[in-house]
Structure formats: C-alpha cells, structure tokens
C-alpha cells in the first residue's frame, strides 16, 4: 500500500511540475495535459520498458486519471501555485524522492539485483523531468552544478540497503524518500552540490 501511494504521489507531483512549465509558457489546456502526462509517467515508463514488465499506466487507468485531474486543477490554479516559493523545483524534488524509492522497489520486487534496483530508482526519478525540459527547450536540472541525480541515487541506494538489512518496508521507504527529499531540498534552498570535475591544463 505504501509503495502504491508513493507511485501515485510521484505521478501526481511530477504532473504538477509539468503543468507549471506549460503555464509559464502560456500554453493551451491540451499542452497542459501533455506536459503533465509526459512528466508524470515518463520515468516509470522507462523503468518498466528496461525491466521488461508491463508498463504501469497501461495496466491501470488511475495514473492517467491523476494526470488529467492535475491538469484540470492547474489550468485554473497554476497562478496560485506559482505564489509558493520555487514551486517547480519543489514539485520536482517531491516527485524525485517518491520515485527514487518506487523505482528501486519495483526492480527488487521482480528479483533484480541491488545494482539494477538502484539504477532503476535513479532512472525513474529523473527521466520524466529530463523529457519535459528537453521538449520545453528548458535547461535541465540534471546538468546544473547542484545535488539532483545524487539525491535520487541516495534515495534509491538507501532503500535497497535498508531493505536488505530487513527493515520494514514502511520504514525503509519513508527513510529513503525523506533522505532524497532533504538532499534535494538542501540544493534548492542552500545550493548544495558535490565537487565538480575541473580539467587540469598543466603540461598542455
């Protein structure tokens, strides 16, 4: 039940992020729906295709209904959401935290290795946002010098480790998602980043 809730949370919050991009560009409702759906289901679709399992939103209309409902709400209330502090980045952060756990959990549930599970967690958490930014012609957070992919890695990795240590699924998922959210939140609010590569020109 917890993983199902995280799945819907990830789709819903990513759909909000997609709708915010559409609102900032002054697009029509169909574009709202397109960006919400692309962002909401993009990461999970990649995960399921790579894992060779039925794509999650084809098996259940609930996910598409979530994207539709978010699109309708955002069509009327996007200007209110924009009044909050950094709404796009925080919506991405919440969706990333939920999906980093969900992606890893799904890989483990079908018997894949810990390494595959972590990779699927990262892919699920980041791919929808990358797709949205590419289509919208916006710079993606994935190429900025701040904690983003590493936060997804921490969330997926900690979930896998806690799962293997035998911690209850509720606790493992909750701790892992919170860790990912805190790391990404630190990047949003305080500019946290890892050391970046610096090419040496000595001897050139």
Protein backbone atom coordinates (compact mmCIF):
# COMPACT_ATOMS: atom_id res chain seq x y z
CA UNK A 1 0.00 0.00 0.00
CA UNK A 2 2.81 2.43 0.83
CA UNK A 3 4.57 1.79 -2.47
CA UNK A 4 1.29 2.28 -4.32
CA UNK A 5 0.82 5.62 -2.58
CA UNK A 6 4.38 6.64 -3.47
CA UNK A 7 3.69 5.67 -7.07
CA UNK A 8 0.59 7.89 -7.26
CA UNK A 9 2.40 10.66 -5.37
CA UNK A 10 5.28 10.57 -7.82
CA UNK A 11 2.96 10.73 -10.83
CA UNK A 12 0.80 13.47 -9.31
CA UNK A 13 3.60 15.76 -8.19
CA UNK A 14 5.55 15.34 -11.42
CA UNK A 15 2.32 16.15 -13.28
CA UNK A 16 2.14 19.39 -11.27
CA UNK A 17 5.70 20.20 -12.35
CA UNK A 18 4.82 19.55 -15.98
CA UNK A 19 1.76 21.77 -15.73
CA UNK A 20 3.82 24.59 -14.22
CA UNK A 21 6.10 24.52 -17.26
CA UNK A 22 3.05 24.70 -19.55
CA UNK A 23 1.60 27.60 -17.55
CA UNK A 24 4.84 29.58 -17.69
CA UNK A 25 4.84 29.24 -21.46
CA UNK A 26 1.20 30.31 -21.72
CA UNK A 27 0.11 27.12 -23.47
CA UNK A 28 -3.41 25.74 -24.02
CA UNK A 29 -5.12 23.03 -21.98
CA UNK A 30 -4.07 20.16 -24.26
CA UNK A 31 -0.46 21.25 -23.80
CA UNK A 32 -1.06 21.29 -20.01
CA UNK A 33 -2.30 17.71 -20.27
CA UNK A 34 0.61 16.71 -22.50
CA UNK A 35 3.31 18.11 -20.22
CA UNK A 36 1.62 16.79 -17.07
CA UNK A 37 1.36 13.29 -18.53
CA UNK A 38 4.83 13.28 -20.08
CA UNK A 39 6.42 14.33 -16.81
CA UNK A 40 4.19 12.18 -14.63
CA UNK A 41 4.65 8.84 -16.39
CA UNK A 42 7.93 9.32 -18.27
CA UNK A 43 10.28 7.91 -15.65
CA UNK A 44 8.07 4.96 -14.76
CA UNK A 45 7.62 4.11 -18.44
CA UNK A 46 11.38 3.95 -18.98
CA UNK A 47 11.75 1.80 -15.86
CA UNK A 48 9.15 -0.75 -16.95
CA UNK A 49 10.49 -0.95 -20.51
CA UNK A 50 14.01 -1.60 -19.22
CA UNK A 51 12.77 -4.16 -16.70
CA UNK A 52 10.72 -5.94 -19.36
CA UNK A 53 7.45 -5.76 -17.41
CA UNK A 54 4.02 -4.39 -18.46
CA UNK A 55 4.09 -0.57 -18.48
CA UNK A 56 2.34 0.50 -15.30
CA UNK A 57 -0.09 3.07 -16.71
CA UNK A 58 -1.34 0.68 -19.40
CA UNK A 59 -2.45 -1.76 -16.71
CA UNK A 60 -4.37 0.88 -14.74
CA UNK A 61 -6.24 3.98 -15.91
CA UNK A 62 -5.72 5.52 -12.47
CA UNK A 63 -2.37 7.04 -13.40
CA UNK A 64 -3.70 8.77 -16.49
CA UNK A 65 -6.69 9.97 -14.49
CA UNK A 66 -4.30 11.52 -11.97
CA UNK A 67 -2.54 13.39 -14.78
CA UNK A 68 -5.88 14.58 -16.17
CA UNK A 69 -7.10 15.72 -12.76
CA UNK A 70 -3.86 17.58 -12.08
CA UNK A 71 -4.05 19.25 -15.49
CA UNK A 72 -7.57 20.49 -14.83
CA UNK A 73 -6.70 21.82 -11.39
CA UNK A 74 -3.54 23.50 -12.60
CA UNK A 75 -5.37 25.07 -15.54
CA UNK A 76 -7.44 27.02 -13.03
CA UNK A 77 -4.99 27.40 -10.15
CA UNK A 78 -1.46 27.48 -11.61
CA UNK A 79 -1.18 31.19 -10.80
CA UNK A 80 -1.88 30.40 -7.15
CA UNK A 81 0.70 27.58 -7.09
CA UNK A 82 3.22 29.99 -8.60
CA UNK A 83 2.82 32.12 -5.49
CA UNK A 84 4.62 29.49 -3.44
CA UNK A 85 8.41 29.50 -3.09
CA UNK A 86 10.09 27.78 -6.06
CA UNK A 87 7.07 25.57 -6.89
CA UNK A 88 8.56 23.85 -9.94
CA UNK A 89 11.76 22.83 -8.20
CA UNK A 90 9.96 21.63 -5.06
CA UNK A 91 7.41 19.65 -7.09
CA UNK A 92 10.31 18.01 -8.91
CA UNK A 93 12.02 17.31 -5.57
CA UNK A 94 8.98 15.59 -4.05
CA UNK A 95 8.34 13.54 -7.18
CA UNK A 96 12.00 12.57 -7.39
CA UNK A 97 12.07 11.43 -3.76
CA UNK A 98 8.98 9.26 -4.17
CA UNK A 99 10.03 7.78 -7.49
CA UNK A 100 13.61 7.01 -6.43
CA UNK A 101 12.14 4.61 -3.88
CA UNK A 102 9.38 3.28 -6.12
CA UNK A 103 11.75 2.55 -8.99
CA UNK A 104 14.12 0.62 -6.77
CA UNK A 105 11.29 -1.23 -5.06
CA UNK A 106 9.79 -2.41 -8.33
CA UNK A 107 13.13 -3.79 -9.52
CA UNK A 108 13.61 -5.68 -6.26
CA UNK A 109 10.05 -7.00 -6.38
CA UNK A 110 10.75 -8.88 -9.63
CA UNK A 111 14.04 -10.31 -8.37
CA UNK A 112 16.60 -7.97 -9.91
CA UNK A 113 19.92 -7.26 -8.20
CA UNK A 114 20.65 -4.38 -5.85
CA UNK A 115 22.67 -2.57 -8.52
CA UNK A 116 19.85 -2.80 -11.05
CA UNK A 117 17.40 -1.62 -8.40
CA UNK A 118 19.43 1.50 -7.66
CA UNK A 119 19.80 2.25 -11.37
CA UNK A 120 16.05 1.88 -11.88
CA UNK A 121 15.38 4.16 -8.93
CA UNK A 122 17.57 6.89 -10.40
CA UNK A 123 16.10 6.48 -13.90
CA UNK A 124 12.53 6.55 -12.64
CA UNK A 125 13.17 9.62 -10.52
CA UNK A 126 14.86 11.74 -13.18
CA UNK A 127 13.78 10.73 -16.68
CA UNK A 128 10.34 12.34 -16.67
CA UNK A 129 11.77 15.73 -15.72
CA UNK A 130 14.53 15.44 -18.31
CA UNK A 131 11.98 14.63 -21.03
CA UNK A 132 9.85 17.60 -20.02
CA UNK A 133 12.77 20.01 -20.09
CA UNK A 134 14.02 18.76 -23.46
CA UNK A 135 10.58 19.11 -25.06
CA UNK A 136 10.05 22.53 -23.46
CA UNK A 137 13.51 23.71 -24.51
CA UNK A 138 14.48 24.45 -20.92
CA UNK A 139 17.84 23.73 -19.22
CA UNK A 140 17.52 20.55 -17.19
CA UNK A 141 18.45 20.31 -13.52
CA UNK A 142 20.46 17.23 -14.41
CA UNK A 143 23.21 19.39 -15.98
CA UNK A 144 23.31 22.01 -13.24
CA UNK A 145 26.01 22.00 -10.57
CA UNK A 146 23.76 21.05 -7.69
CA UNK A 147 22.55 17.90 -5.97
CA UNK A 148 19.92 16.25 -8.20
CA UNK A 149 20.84 12.85 -9.62
CA UNK A 150 22.91 12.21 -6.49
CA UNK A 151 19.80 12.80 -4.34
CA UNK A 152 17.91 10.20 -6.39
CA UNK A 153 20.88 7.85 -6.04
CA UNK A 154 20.88 8.35 -2.26
CA UNK A 155 17.16 7.65 -2.06
CA UNK A 156 17.29 4.50 -4.18
CA UNK A 157 20.51 3.27 -2.61
CA UNK A 158 19.38 3.76 0.96
CA UNK A 159 16.09 1.99 0.24
CA UNK A 160 17.92 -1.01 -1.19
CA UNK A 161 20.36 -1.15 1.75
CA UNK A 162 17.60 -0.82 4.35
CA UNK A 163 15.56 -3.45 2.53
CA UNK A 164 18.45 -5.91 2.58
CA UNK A 165 19.00 -5.17 6.28
CA UNK A 166 15.45 -6.36 6.90
CA UNK A 167 13.92 -3.05 7.93
CA UNK A 168 10.16 -2.97 7.44
CA UNK A 169 9.03 -1.69 4.06
CA UNK A 170 7.23 1.32 5.55
CA UNK A 171 10.32 2.42 7.44
CA UNK A 172 12.74 1.74 4.60
CA UNK A 173 10.65 3.60 2.05
CA UNK A 174 9.91 6.50 4.39
CA UNK A 175 13.53 6.99 5.47
CA UNK A 176 14.87 6.69 1.91
CA UNK A 177 12.33 9.12 0.42
CA UNK A 178 12.96 11.61 3.22
CA UNK A 179 16.72 11.39 2.69
CA UNK A 180 16.35 12.08 -1.03
CA UNK A 181 13.99 14.97 -0.37
CA UNK A 182 16.28 16.55 2.24
CA UNK A 183 19.29 16.36 -0.06
CA UNK A 184 17.42 17.87 -2.97
CA UNK A 185 15.84 20.45 -0.67
CA UNK A 186 19.29 21.49 0.52
CA UNK A 187 20.31 22.03 -3.09
CA UNK A 188 17.21 24.12 -3.77
CA UNK A 189 17.47 26.30 -0.69
CA UNK A 190 21.20 26.38 0.04
CA UNK A 191 22.85 25.49 -3.26
CA UNK A 192 24.31 22.16 -2.07
CA UNK A 193 26.49 20.48 -4.68
CA UNK A 194 29.16 17.83 -4.96
CA UNK A 195 32.70 18.68 -6.08
CA UNK A 196 32.68 19.15 -9.84
CA UNK A 197 35.28 17.99 -12.35
CA UNK A 198 37.96 20.53 -13.11
CA UNK A 199 40.21 19.79 -16.07
CA UNK A 200 43.86 20.48 -15.42
CA UNK A 201 45.66 22.37 -18.15
CA UNK A 202 49.14 21.75 -16.75
CA UNK A 203 51.54 20.50 -19.36
CA UNK A 204 49.22 21.41 -22.19
